[in-house]
Structure formats: C-alpha cells, structure tokens
Amino acid sequence: SSGINAEYGGLGQQANYIETLTVSYRNVDKDKDVNSYTFDNLIPNAQVFAIPMDSMWKLVMMVVPGKTLWETLLVLGICCVVCIIIILVLHIKEKKEDEREKVKFNTKFNFDAM
C-alpha cells in the first residue's frame, strides 16, 4: 500500500489573513505527476491540515482562541457600554428639555386664556 507522507510546517505568527496558500505533492506512482490545490482565505494563527483525496482536497482548520480574542471582546464590550451611557445621557437630557418646553407652553397658554 502506498501511503502519503506527512509534512509539518508553519507560517509563524501572521497578523493578517492569508489570501491564498498552494499545497502540492509529487505522485511517485504516475511518473512524477504533481498534484496541487490552492486554498483561499485562511485565518491567521490557525492550524491547517490539507488532506489530499483523489481529485479533491479537504481542508481542516483548527482555531484556538487566544489572549487576543479575549482582549478584543473586552474592548468591544467597553465600547458598547460607553455608547449606551452616551445614549442614555442624551435621552435623559432630551426628556428634560421636552418637559421644560411643555411647562413653558402650558404657562404661556394659561396666561393667554385669562
């Protein structure tokens, strides 16, 4: 039985998405025929397993959340809380202004009726 050899390699710490990654191997049974496949849009810091099958390849990505994920979620949460506080302050200010205008209108109306 002819098995496919495995090779382990890495791209290191990548901050950006990888647009394309071409993986290939040489088929020794078919007179040095090269079988290759190009994968698109890979996630940074993910483990990628390319499994060759007859004419198709299977790509398996394993993403392990790291410290950066939790920091990003914390910053996002803080931004949401700040936006909610700003919205509430502006809403309360608008309600107070509407109440003042209502009292002013009612006072003016009562004096005009006399």
PDB file of N, CA and C in Angstrom:
ATOM      1  N   SER A   1       0.847  -1.170   0.000  1.00  0.00           N
ATOM      2  CA  SER A   1       0.000   0.000   0.000  1.00  0.00           C
ATOM      3  C   SER A   1       0.887   1.226   0.000  1.00  0.00           C
ATOM      4  N   SER A   2       0.505   2.181  -0.787  1.00  0.00           N
ATOM      5  CA  SER A   2       1.300   3.413  -0.858  1.00  0.00           C
ATOM      6  C   SER A   2       0.618   4.481  -0.027  1.00  0.00           C
ATOM      7  N   GLY A   3       1.290   4.919   0.989  1.00  0.00           N
ATOM      8  CA  GLY A   3       0.749   5.953   1.868  1.00  0.00           C
ATOM      9  C   GLY A   3       1.338   7.307   1.515  1.00  0.00           C
ATOM     10  N   ILE A   4       0.656   8.336   1.925  1.00  0.00           N
ATOM     11  CA  ILE A   4       1.137   9.694   1.679  1.00  0.00           C
ATOM     12  C   ILE A   4       1.941  10.134   2.883  1.00  0.00           C
ATOM     13  N   ASN A   5       3.136  10.603   2.614  1.00  0.00           N
ATOM     14  CA  ASN A   5       3.975  11.090   3.693  1.00  0.00           C
ATOM     15  C   ASN A   5       3.391  12.381   4.247  1.00  0.00           C
ATOM     16  N   ALA A   6       3.625  12.626   5.497  1.00  0.00           N
ATOM     17  CA  ALA A   6       3.123  13.837   6.145  1.00  0.00           C
ATOM     18  C   ALA A   6       4.283  14.805   6.359  1.00  0.00           C
ATOM     19  N   GLU A   7       4.011  16.047   6.222  1.00  0.00           N
ATOM     20  CA  GLU A   7       4.997  17.090   6.448  1.00  0.00           C
ATOM     21  C   GLU A   7       4.367  18.142   7.333  1.00  0.00           C
ATOM     22  N   TYR A   8       5.092  18.551   8.354  1.00  0.00           N
ATOM     23  CA  TYR A   8       4.579  19.565   9.265  1.00  0.00           C
ATOM     24  C   TYR A   8       5.374  20.840   9.034  1.00  0.00           C
ATOM     25  N   GLY A   9       4.674  21.923   8.821  1.00  0.00           N
ATOM     26  CA  GLY A   9       5.333  23.210   8.634  1.00  0.00           C
ATOM     27  C   GLY A   9       4.422  24.305   9.129  1.00  0.00           C
ATOM     28  N   GLY A  10       4.947  25.479   9.231  1.00  0.00           N
ATOM     29  CA  GLY A  10       4.126  26.577   9.724  1.00  0.00           C
ATOM     30  C   GLY A  10       4.528  27.891   9.092  1.00  0.00           C
ATOM     31  N   LEU A  11       3.635  28.847   9.218  1.00  0.00           N
ATOM     32  CA  LEU A  11       3.885  30.182   8.689  1.00  0.00           C
ATOM     33  C   LEU A  11       4.232  31.170   9.786  1.00  0.00           C
ATOM     34  N   GLY A  12       4.211  30.748  11.025  1.00  0.00           N
ATOM     35  CA  GLY A  12       4.530  31.634  12.139  1.00  0.00           C
ATOM     36  C   GLY A  12       3.349  32.502  12.520  1.00  0.00           C
ATOM     37  N   GLN A  13       3.612  33.498  13.312  1.00  0.00           N
ATOM     38  CA  GLN A  13       2.567  34.411  13.768  1.00  0.00           C
ATOM     39  C   GLN A  13       2.234  35.377  12.639  1.00  0.00           C
ATOM     40  N   GLN A  14       1.085  35.198  12.032  1.00  0.00           N
ATOM     41  CA  GLN A  14       0.616  36.072  10.964  1.00  0.00           C
ATOM     42  C   GLN A  14      -0.471  36.976  11.519  1.00  0.00           C
ATOM     43  N   ALA A  15      -0.339  38.278  11.302  1.00  0.00           N
ATOM     44  CA  ALA A  15      -1.335  39.218  11.810  1.00  0.00           C
ATOM     45  C   ALA A  15      -2.499  39.370  10.841  1.00  0.00           C
ATOM     46  N   ASN A  16      -2.298  39.079   9.579  1.00  0.00           N
ATOM     47  CA  ASN A  16      -3.330  39.273   8.563  1.00  0.00           C
ATOM     48  C   ASN A  16      -3.799  37.934   8.017  1.00  0.00           C
ATOM     49  N   TYR A  17      -4.936  37.993   7.346  1.00  0.00           N
ATOM     50  CA  TYR A  17      -5.446  36.795   6.688  1.00  0.00           C
ATOM     51  C   TYR A  17      -4.538  36.430   5.526  1.00  0.00           C
ATOM     52  N   ILE A  18      -4.436  35.155   5.265  1.00  0.00           N
ATOM     53  CA  ILE A  18      -3.639  34.678   4.142  1.00  0.00           C
ATOM     54  C   ILE A  18      -4.596  34.478   2.983  1.00  0.00           C
ATOM     55  N   GLU A  19      -4.372  35.212   1.908  1.00  0.00           N
ATOM     56  CA  GLU A  19      -5.314  35.168   0.792  1.00  0.00           C
ATOM     57  C   GLU A  19      -5.281  33.823   0.074  1.00  0.00           C
ATOM     58  N   THR A  20      -4.114  33.325  -0.249  1.00  0.00           N
ATOM     59  CA  THR A  20      -4.022  32.028  -0.933  1.00  0.00           C
ATOM     60  C   THR A  20      -2.839  31.232  -0.382  1.00  0.00           C
ATOM     61  N   LEU A  21      -3.027  29.926  -0.352  1.00  0.00           N
ATOM     62  CA  LEU A  21      -1.966  29.005   0.045  1.00  0.00           C
ATOM     63  C   LEU A  21      -2.044  27.810  -0.891  1.00  0.00           C
ATOM     64  N   THR A  22      -0.966  27.562  -1.618  1.00  0.00           N
ATOM     65  CA  THR A  22      -0.926  26.437  -2.552  1.00  0.00           C
ATOM     66  C   THR A  22      -0.164  25.287  -1.912  1.00  0.00           C
ATOM     67  N   VAL A  23      -0.797  24.131  -1.908  1.00  0.00           N
ATOM     68  CA  VAL A  23      -0.208  22.920  -1.346  1.00  0.00           C
ATOM     69  C   VAL A  23      -0.111  21.901  -2.467  1.00  0.00           C
ATOM     70  N   SER A  24       1.026  21.215  -2.554  1.00  0.00           N
ATOM     71  CA  SER A  24       1.172  20.215  -3.616  1.00  0.00           C
ATOM     72  C   SER A  24       2.064  19.074  -3.139  1.00  0.00           C
ATOM     73  N   TYR A  25       1.939  17.964  -3.824  1.00  0.00           N
ATOM     74  CA  TYR A  25       2.819  16.834  -3.581  1.00  0.00           C
ATOM     75  C   TYR A  25       3.057  16.117  -4.902  1.00  0.00           C
ATOM     76  N   ARG A  26       4.165  15.388  -4.933  1.00  0.00           N
ATOM     77  CA  ARG A  26       4.525  14.665  -6.157  1.00  0.00           C
ATOM     78  C   ARG A  26       4.038  13.236  -6.045  1.00  0.00           C
ATOM     79  N   ASN A  27       3.331  12.797  -7.062  1.00  0.00           N
ATOM     80  CA  ASN A  27       2.806  11.437  -7.099  1.00  0.00           C
ATOM     81  C   ASN A  27       3.848  10.545  -7.752  1.00  0.00           C
ATOM     82  N   VAL A  28       4.482   9.686  -6.966  1.00  0.00           N
ATOM     83  CA  VAL A  28       5.548   8.839  -7.492  1.00  0.00           C
ATOM     84  C   VAL A  28       5.006   7.697  -8.338  1.00  0.00           C
ATOM     85  N   ASP A  29       3.724   7.366  -8.178  1.00  0.00           N
ATOM     86  CA  ASP A  29       3.143   6.268  -8.949  1.00  0.00           C
ATOM     87  C   ASP A  29       2.902   6.670 -10.402  1.00  0.00           C
ATOM     88  N   LYS A  30       2.684   7.938 -10.661  1.00  0.00           N
ATOM     89  CA  LYS A  30       2.318   8.387 -12.001  1.00  0.00           C
ATOM     90  C   LYS A  30       3.430   9.200 -12.645  1.00  0.00           C
ATOM     91  N   ASP A  31       4.641   8.727 -12.578  1.00  0.00           N
ATOM     92  CA  ASP A  31       5.775   9.327 -13.269  1.00  0.00           C
ATOM     93  C   ASP A  31       5.928  10.817 -12.943  1.00  0.00           C
ATOM     94  N   LYS A  32       6.130  11.112 -11.683  1.00  0.00           N
ATOM     95  CA  LYS A  32       6.420  12.466 -11.203  1.00  0.00           C
ATOM     96  C   LYS A  32       5.299  13.464 -11.495  1.00  0.00           C
ATOM     97  N   ASP A  33       4.066  13.009 -11.460  1.00  0.00           N
ATOM     98  CA  ASP A  33       2.915  13.894 -11.624  1.00  0.00           C
ATOM     99  C   ASP A  33       2.731  14.686 -10.332  1.00  0.00           C
ATOM    100  N   VAL A  34       2.526  15.997 -10.455  1.00  0.00           N
ATOM    101  CA  VAL A  34       2.364  16.851  -9.285  1.00  0.00           C
ATOM    102  C   VAL A  34       0.881  17.138  -9.081  1.00  0.00           C
ATOM    103  N   ASN A  35       0.398  16.848  -7.899  1.00  0.00           N
ATOM    104  CA  ASN A  35      -0.982  17.107  -7.535  1.00  0.00           C
ATOM    105  C   ASN A  35      -0.982  18.293  -6.577  1.00  0.00           C
ATOM    106  N   SER A  36      -1.667  19.361  -6.949  1.00  0.00           N
ATOM    107  CA  SER A  36      -1.668  20.548  -6.096  1.00  0.00           C
ATOM    108  C   SER A  36      -3.070  21.127  -5.984  1.00  0.00           C
ATOM    109  N   TYR A  37      -3.243  21.940  -4.963  1.00  0.00           N
ATOM    110  CA  TYR A  37      -4.527  22.589  -4.741  1.00  0.00           C
ATOM    111  C   TYR A  37      -4.258  23.915  -4.049  1.00  0.00           C
ATOM    112  N   THR A  38      -5.072  24.926  -4.364  1.00  0.00           N
ATOM    113  CA  THR A  38      -4.915  26.254  -3.758  1.00  0.00           C
ATOM    114  C   THR A  38      -6.102  26.524  -2.847  1.00  0.00           C
ATOM    115  N   PHE A  39      -5.794  26.890  -1.621  1.00  0.00           N
ATOM    116  CA  PHE A  39      -6.813  27.229  -0.636  1.00  0.00           C
ATOM    117  C   PHE A  39      -6.873  28.752  -0.507  1.00  0.00           C
ATOM    118  N   ASP A  40      -8.081  29.275  -0.363  1.00  0.00           N
ATOM    119  CA  ASP A  40      -8.270  30.723  -0.268  1.00  0.00           C
ATOM    120  C   ASP A  40      -8.701  31.121   1.139  1.00  0.00           C
ATOM    121  N   ASN A  41      -8.323  32.334   1.515  1.00  0.00           N
ATOM    122  CA  ASN A  41      -8.766  32.987   2.753  1.00  0.00           C
ATOM    123  C   ASN A  41      -8.572  32.138   4.004  1.00  0.00           C
ATOM    124  N   LEU A  42      -7.336  32.020   4.427  1.00  0.00           N
ATOM    125  CA  LEU A  42      -7.032  31.269   5.638  1.00  0.00           C
ATOM    126  C   LEU A  42      -6.961  32.219   6.830  1.00  0.00           C
ATOM    127  N   ILE A  43      -7.401  31.747   7.967  1.00  0.00           N
ATOM    128  CA  ILE A  43      -7.425  32.544   9.184  1.00  0.00           C
ATOM    129  C   ILE A  43      -6.037  32.525   9.818  1.00  0.00           C
ATOM    130  N   PRO A  44      -5.564  33.683  10.302  1.00  0.00           N
ATOM    131  CA  PRO A  44      -4.244  33.695  10.942  1.00  0.00           C
ATOM    132  C   PRO A  44      -4.250  32.916  12.253  1.00  0.00           C
ATOM    133  N   ASN A  45      -3.107  32.393  12.606  1.00  0.00           N
ATOM    134  CA  ASN A  45      -2.894  31.630  13.845  1.00  0.00           C
ATOM    135  C   ASN A  45      -3.805  30.413  13.955  1.00  0.00           C
ATOM    136  N   ALA A  46      -4.134  29.814  12.844  1.00  0.00           N
ATOM    137  CA  ALA A  46      -4.938  28.594  12.845  1.00  0.00           C
ATOM    138  C   ALA A  46      -4.063  27.439  12.369  1.00  0.00           C
ATOM    139  N   GLN A  47      -4.350  26.258  12.886  1.00  0.00           N
ATOM    140  CA  GLN A  47      -3.670  25.070  12.396  1.00  0.00           C
ATOM    141  C   GLN A  47      -4.438  24.574  11.178  1.00  0.00           C
ATOM    142  N   VAL A  48      -3.719  24.364  10.089  1.00  0.00           N
ATOM    143  CA  VAL A  48      -4.345  23.975   8.835  1.00  0.00           C
ATOM    144  C   VAL A  48      -3.862  22.589   8.454  1.00  0.00           C
ATOM    145  N   PHE A  49      -4.814  21.714   8.150  1.00  0.00           N
ATOM    146  CA  PHE A  49      -4.500  20.372   7.685  1.00  0.00           C
ATOM    147  C   PHE A  49      -5.072  20.215   6.287  1.00  0.00           C
ATOM    148  N   ALA A  50      -4.230  19.989   5.301  1.00  0.00           N
ATOM    149  CA  ALA A  50      -4.674  19.748   3.929  1.00  0.00           C
ATOM    150  C   ALA A  50      -4.575  18.247   3.677  1.00  0.00           C
ATOM    151  N   ILE A  51      -5.720  17.629   3.444  1.00  0.00           N
ATOM    152  CA  ILE A  51      -5.772  16.181   3.271  1.00  0.00           C
ATOM    153  C   ILE A  51      -6.072  15.888   1.806  1.00  0.00           C
ATOM    154  N   PRO A  52      -5.078  15.344   1.073  1.00  0.00           N
ATOM    155  CA  PRO A  52      -5.325  15.062  -0.337  1.00  0.00           C
ATOM    156  C   PRO A  52      -6.201  13.825  -0.510  1.00  0.00           C
ATOM    157  N   MET A  53      -7.192  13.958  -1.353  1.00  0.00           N
ATOM    158  CA  MET A  53      -8.032  12.835  -1.746  1.00  0.00           C
ATOM    159  C   MET A  53      -7.907  12.738  -3.260  1.00  0.00           C
ATOM    160  N   ASP A  54      -8.505  11.793  -3.892  1.00  0.00           N
ATOM    161  CA  ASP A  54      -8.276  11.524  -5.315  1.00  0.00           C
ATOM    162  C   ASP A  54      -8.142  12.794  -6.155  1.00  0.00           C
ATOM    163  N   SER A  55      -9.243  13.458  -6.411  1.00  0.00           N
ATOM    164  CA  SER A  55      -9.172  14.662  -7.239  1.00  0.00           C
ATOM    165  C   SER A  55      -9.476  15.916  -6.432  1.00  0.00           C
ATOM    166  N   MET A  56      -9.955  15.735  -5.219  1.00  0.00           N
ATOM    167  CA  MET A  56     -10.271  16.878  -4.362  1.00  0.00           C
ATOM    168  C   MET A  56      -9.397  16.839  -3.125  1.00  0.00           C
ATOM    169  N   TRP A  57      -9.280  17.982  -2.503  1.00  0.00           N
ATOM    170  CA  TRP A  57      -8.557  18.076  -1.249  1.00  0.00           C
ATOM    171  C   TRP A  57      -9.531  18.516  -0.172  1.00  0.00           C
ATOM    172  N   LYS A  58      -9.258  18.108   1.032  1.00  0.00           N
ATOM    173  CA  LYS A  58     -10.072  18.531   2.162  1.00  0.00           C
ATOM    174  C   LYS A  58      -9.203  19.417   3.050  1.00  0.00           C
ATOM    175  N   LEU A  59      -9.745  20.567   3.404  1.00  0.00           N
ATOM    176  CA  LEU A  59      -9.019  21.499   4.264  1.00  0.00           C
ATOM    177  C   LEU A  59      -9.677  21.517   5.638  1.00  0.00           C
ATOM    178  N   VAL A  60      -8.892  21.286   6.659  1.00  0.00           N
ATOM    179  CA  VAL A  60      -9.389  21.317   8.029  1.00  0.00           C
ATOM    180  C   VAL A  60      -8.615  22.404   8.760  1.00  0.00           C
ATOM    181  N   MET A  61      -9.353  23.367   9.322  1.00  0.00           N
ATOM    182  CA  MET A  61      -8.716  24.435  10.088  1.00  0.00           C
ATOM    183  C   MET A  61      -9.141  24.314  11.546  1.00  0.00           C
ATOM    184  N   MET A  62      -8.172  24.385  12.432  1.00  0.00           N
ATOM    185  CA  MET A  62      -8.451  24.374  13.866  1.00  0.00           C
ATOM    186  C   MET A  62      -8.042  25.727  14.421  1.00  0.00           C
ATOM    187  N   VAL A  63      -9.013  26.436  14.980  1.00  0.00           N
ATOM    188  CA  VAL A  63      -8.746  27.759  15.536  1.00  0.00           C
ATOM    189  C   VAL A  63      -8.875  27.670  17.048  1.00  0.00           C
ATOM    190  N   VAL A  64      -7.832  28.043  17.731  1.00  0.00           N
ATOM    191  CA  VAL A  64      -7.836  28.049  19.189  1.00  0.00           C
ATOM    192  C   VAL A  64      -7.853  29.510  19.639  1.00  0.00           C
ATOM    193  N   PRO A  65      -8.899  29.922  20.359  1.00  0.00           N
ATOM    194  CA  PRO A  65      -8.935  31.315  20.796  1.00  0.00           C
ATOM    195  C   PRO A  65      -7.783  31.603  21.747  1.00  0.00           C
ATOM    196  N   GLY A  66      -7.138  32.700  21.519  1.00  0.00           N
ATOM    197  CA  GLY A  66      -6.006  33.072  22.348  1.00  0.00           C
ATOM    198  C   GLY A  66      -6.309  34.285  23.197  1.00  0.00           C
ATOM    199  N   LYS A  67      -5.260  34.840  23.755  1.00  0.00           N
ATOM    200  CA  LYS A  67      -5.385  36.007  24.624  1.00  0.00           C
ATOM    201  C   LYS A  67      -5.937  37.204  23.846  1.00  0.00           C
ATOM    202  N   THR A  68      -5.581  37.322  22.598  1.00  0.00           N
ATOM    203  CA  THR A  68      -6.020  38.444  21.786  1.00  0.00           C
ATOM    204  C   THR A  68      -7.532  38.454  21.624  1.00  0.00           C
ATOM    205  N   LEU A  69      -8.149  37.297  21.514  1.00  0.00           N
ATOM    206  CA  LEU A  69      -9.604  37.223  21.374  1.00  0.00           C
ATOM    207  C   LEU A  69     -10.290  37.822  22.589  1.00  0.00           C
ATOM    208  N   TRP A  70      -9.841  37.465  23.772  1.00  0.00           N
ATOM    209  CA  TRP A  70     -10.475  37.964  24.991  1.00  0.00           C
ATOM    210  C   TRP A  70     -10.238  39.458  25.158  1.00  0.00           C
ATOM    211  N   GLU A  71      -9.057  39.941  24.771  1.00  0.00           N
ATOM    212  CA  GLU A  71      -8.794  41.383  24.833  1.00  0.00           C
ATOM    213  C   GLU A  71      -9.706  42.132  23.861  1.00  0.00           C
ATOM    214  N   THR A  72      -9.900  41.581  22.682  1.00  0.00           N
ATOM    215  CA  THR A  72     -10.768  42.213  21.688  1.00  0.00           C
ATOM    216  C   THR A  72     -12.215  42.249  22.183  1.00  0.00           C
ATOM    217  N   LEU A  73     -12.694  41.158  22.767  1.00  0.00           N
ATOM    218  CA  LEU A  73     -14.052  41.124  23.310  1.00  0.00           C
ATOM    219  C   LEU A  73     -14.220  42.115  24.456  1.00  0.00           C
ATOM    220  N   LEU A  74     -13.200  42.267  25.294  1.00  0.00           N
ATOM    221  CA  LEU A  74     -13.253  43.229  26.396  1.00  0.00           C
ATOM    222  C   LEU A  74     -13.357  44.656  25.866  1.00  0.00           C
ATOM    223  N   VAL A  75     -12.535  45.001  24.890  1.00  0.00           N
ATOM    224  CA  VAL A  75     -12.576  46.343  24.307  1.00  0.00           C
ATOM    225  C   VAL A  75     -13.923  46.589  23.627  1.00  0.00           C
ATOM    226  N   LEU A  76     -14.440  45.596  22.913  1.00  0.00           N
ATOM    227  CA  LEU A  76     -15.753  45.726  22.283  1.00  0.00           C
ATOM    228  C   LEU A  76     -16.843  45.952  23.328  1.00  0.00           C
ATOM    229  N   GLY A  77     -16.801  45.213  24.420  1.00  0.00           N
ATOM    230  CA  GLY A  77     -17.772  45.385  25.494  1.00  0.00           C
ATOM    231  C   GLY A  77     -17.700  46.769  26.120  1.00  0.00           C
ATOM    232  N   ILE A  78     -16.488  47.265  26.352  1.00  0.00           N
ATOM    233  CA  ILE A  78     -16.319  48.608  26.917  1.00  0.00           C
ATOM    234  C   ILE A  78     -16.873  49.659  25.967  1.00  0.00           C
ATOM    235  N   CYS A  79     -16.612  49.513  24.677  1.00  0.00           N
ATOM    236  CA  CYS A  79     -17.150  50.462  23.688  1.00  0.00           C
ATOM    237  C   CYS A  79     -18.677  50.444  23.696  1.00  0.00           C
ATOM    238  N   CYS A  80     -19.276  49.273  23.795  1.00  0.00           N
ATOM    239  CA  CYS A  80     -20.744  49.173  23.838  1.00  0.00           C
ATOM    240  C   CYS A  80     -21.301  49.855  25.079  1.00  0.00           C
ATOM    241  N   VAL A  81     -20.662  49.657  26.229  1.00  0.00           N
ATOM    242  CA  VAL A  81     -21.120  50.286  27.470  1.00  0.00           C
ATOM    243  C   VAL A  81     -21.011  51.808  27.366  1.00  0.00           C
ATOM    244  N   VAL A  82     -19.916  52.312  26.814  1.00  0.00           N
ATOM    245  CA  VAL A  82     -19.742  53.762  26.647  1.00  0.00           C
ATOM    246  C   VAL A  82     -20.832  54.313  25.719  1.00  0.00           C
ATOM    247  N   CYS A  83     -21.117  53.615  24.629  1.00  0.00           N
ATOM    248  CA  CYS A  83     -22.174  54.072  23.704  1.00  0.00           C
ATOM    249  C   CYS A  83     -23.535  54.077  24.392  1.00  0.00           C
ATOM    250  N   ILE A  84     -23.823  53.064  25.196  1.00  0.00           N
ATOM    251  CA  ILE A  84     -25.099  53.008  25.911  1.00  0.00           C
ATOM    252  C   ILE A  84     -25.208  54.167  26.908  1.00  0.00           C
ATOM    253  N   ILE A  85     -24.125  54.473  27.609  1.00  0.00           N
ATOM    254  CA  ILE A  85     -24.141  55.585  28.562  1.00  0.00           C
ATOM    255  C   ILE A  85     -24.383  56.905  27.840  1.00  0.00           C
ATOM    256  N   ILE A  86     -23.712  57.107  26.710  1.00  0.00           N
ATOM    257  CA  ILE A  86     -23.912  58.340  25.931  1.00  0.00           C
ATOM    258  C   ILE A  86     -25.357  58.449  25.464  1.00  0.00           C
ATOM    259  N   ILE A  87     -25.909  57.360  24.978  1.00  0.00           N
ATOM    260  CA  ILE A  87     -27.301  57.370  24.501  1.00  0.00           C
ATOM    261  C   ILE A  87     -28.255  57.682  25.653  1.00  0.00           C
ATOM    262  N   LEU A  88     -28.038  57.078  26.820  1.00  0.00           N
ATOM    263  CA  LEU A  88     -28.910  57.333  27.965  1.00  0.00           C
ATOM    264  C   LEU A  88     -28.818  58.788  28.437  1.00  0.00           C
ATOM    265  N   VAL A  89     -27.614  59.329  28.490  1.00  0.00           N
ATOM    266  CA  VAL A  89     -27.442  60.725  28.910  1.00  0.00           C
ATOM    267  C   VAL A  89     -28.157  61.655  27.936  1.00  0.00           C
ATOM    268  N   LEU A  90     -27.991  61.441  26.652  1.00  0.00           N
ATOM    269  CA  LEU A  90     -28.663  62.293  25.660  1.00  0.00           C
ATOM    270  C   LEU A  90     -30.185  62.118  25.717  1.00  0.00           C
ATOM    271  N   HIS A  91     -30.658  60.904  25.968  1.00  0.00           N
ATOM    272  CA  HIS A  91     -32.096  60.655  26.075  1.00  0.00           C
ATOM    273  C   HIS A  91     -32.693  61.379  27.283  1.00  0.00           C
ATOM    274  N   ILE A  92     -32.009  61.304  28.426  1.00  0.00           N
ATOM    275  CA  ILE A  92     -32.490  61.984  29.635  1.00  0.00           C
ATOM    276  C   ILE A  92     -32.476  63.495  29.427  1.00  0.00           C
ATOM    277  N   LYS A  93     -31.425  64.004  28.803  1.00  0.00           N
ATOM    278  CA  LYS A  93     -31.334  65.444  28.515  1.00  0.00           C
ATOM    279  C   LYS A  93     -32.490  65.878  27.615  1.00  0.00           C
ATOM    280  N   GLU A  94     -32.809  65.091  26.602  1.00  0.00           N
ATOM    281  CA  GLU A  94     -33.909  65.412  25.676  1.00  0.00           C
ATOM    282  C   GLU A  94     -35.255  65.387  26.401  1.00  0.00           C
ATOM    283  N   LYS A  95     -35.452  64.406  27.291  1.00  0.00           N
ATOM    284  CA  LYS A  95     -36.709  64.342  28.039  1.00  0.00           C
ATOM    285  C   LYS A  95     -36.879  65.559  28.951  1.00  0.00           C
ATOM    286  N   LYS A  96     -35.783  65.980  29.612  1.00  0.00           N
ATOM    287  CA  LYS A  96     -35.851  67.170  30.468  1.00  0.00           C
ATOM    288  C   LYS A  96     -36.176  68.410  29.645  1.00  0.00           C
ATOM    289  N   GLU A  97     -35.555  68.528  28.486  1.00  0.00           N
ATOM    290  CA  GLU A  97     -35.818  69.677  27.616  1.00  0.00           C
ATOM    291  C   GLU A  97     -37.269  69.662  27.132  1.00  0.00           C
ATOM    292  N   ASP A  98     -37.793  68.515  26.785  1.00  0.00           N
ATOM    293  CA  ASP A  98     -39.197  68.406  26.376  1.00  0.00           C
ATOM    294  C   ASP A  98     -40.132  68.786  27.520  1.00  0.00           C
ATOM    295  N   GLU A  99     -39.794  68.370  28.738  1.00  0.00           N
ATOM    296  CA  GLU A  99     -40.626  68.718  29.907  1.00  0.00           C
ATOM    297  C   GLU A  99     -40.616  70.225  30.146  1.00  0.00           C
ATOM    298  N   ARG A 100     -39.438  70.866  30.012  1.00  0.00           N
ATOM    299  CA  ARG A 100     -39.359  72.328  30.168  1.00  0.00           C
ATOM    300  C   ARG A 100     -40.198  73.037  29.117  1.00  0.00           C
ATOM    301  N   GLU A 101     -40.128  72.575  27.878  1.00  0.00           N
ATOM    302  CA  GLU A 101     -40.920  73.191  26.804  1.00  0.00           C
ATOM    303  C   GLU A 101     -42.408  73.000  27.055  1.00  0.00           C
ATOM    304  N   LYS A 102     -42.792  71.831  27.581  1.00  0.00           N
ATOM    305  CA  LYS A 102     -44.198  71.569  27.873  1.00  0.00           C
ATOM    306  C   LYS A 102     -44.706  72.504  28.973  1.00  0.00           C
ATOM    307  N   VAL A 103     -43.917  72.682  30.047  1.00  0.00           N
ATOM    308  CA  VAL A 103     -44.295  73.579  31.139  1.00  0.00           C
ATOM    309  C   VAL A 103     -44.372  75.016  30.632  1.00  0.00           C
ATOM    310  N   LYS A 104     -43.404  75.403  29.812  1.00  0.00           N
ATOM    311  CA  LYS A 104     -43.386  76.763  29.255  1.00  0.00           C
ATOM    312  C   LYS A 104     -44.622  76.996  28.383  1.00  0.00           C
ATOM    313  N   PHE A 105     -44.983  76.030  27.581  1.00  0.00           N
ATOM    314  CA  PHE A 105     -46.158  76.159  26.716  1.00  0.00           C
ATOM    315  C   PHE A 105     -47.438  76.248  27.547  1.00  0.00           C
ATOM    316  N   ASN A 106     -47.546  75.384  28.589  1.00  0.00           N
ATOM    317  CA  ASN A 106     -48.725  75.396  29.454  1.00  0.00           C
ATOM    318  C   ASN A 106     -48.833  76.719  30.215  1.00  0.00           C
ATOM    319  N   THR A 107     -47.717  77.266  30.664  1.00  0.00           N
ATOM    320  CA  THR A 107     -47.727  78.547  31.379  1.00  0.00           C
ATOM    321  C   THR A 107     -48.166  79.670  30.445  1.00  0.00           C
ATOM    322  N   LYS A 108     -47.646  79.672  29.242  1.00  0.00           N
ATOM    323  CA  LYS A 108     -47.998  80.691  28.262  1.00  0.00           C
ATOM    324  C   LYS A 108     -49.482  80.572  27.884  1.00  0.00           C
ATOM    325  N   PHE A 109     -49.954  79.360  27.748  1.00  0.00           N
ATOM    326  CA  PHE A 109     -51.363  79.139  27.376  1.00  0.00           C
ATOM    327  C   PHE A 109     -52.282  79.628  28.471  1.00  0.00           C
ATOM    328  N   ASN A 110     -51.955  79.370  29.729  1.00  0.00           N
ATOM    329  CA  ASN A 110     -52.802  79.795  30.842  1.00  0.00           C
ATOM    330  C   ASN A 110     -52.866  81.313  30.941  1.00  0.00           C
ATOM    331  N   PHE A 111     -51.757  82.013  30.725  1.00  0.00           N
ATOM    332  CA  PHE A 111     -51.768  83.461  30.797  1.00  0.00           C
ATOM    333  C   PHE A 111     -52.545  84.068  29.627  1.00  0.00           C
ATOM    334  N   ASP A 112     -52.473  83.432  28.465  1.00  0.00           N
ATOM    335  CA  ASP A 112     -53.214  83.942  27.324  1.00  0.00           C
ATOM    336  C   ASP A 112     -54.715  83.743  27.511  1.00  0.00           C
ATOM    337  N   ALA A 113     -55.110  82.724  28.242  1.00  0.00           N
ATOM    338  CA  ALA A 113     -56.545  82.448  28.430  1.00  0.00           C
ATOM    339  C   ALA A 113     -57.187  83.414  29.402  1.00  0.00           C
ATOM    340  N   MET A 114     -56.442  84.031  30.246  1.00  0.00           N
ATOM    341  CA  MET A 114     -57.027  84.935  31.247  1.00  0.00           C
ATOM    342  C   MET A 114     -57.455  86.186  30.626  1.00  0.00           C
TER     343      MET A 114
END
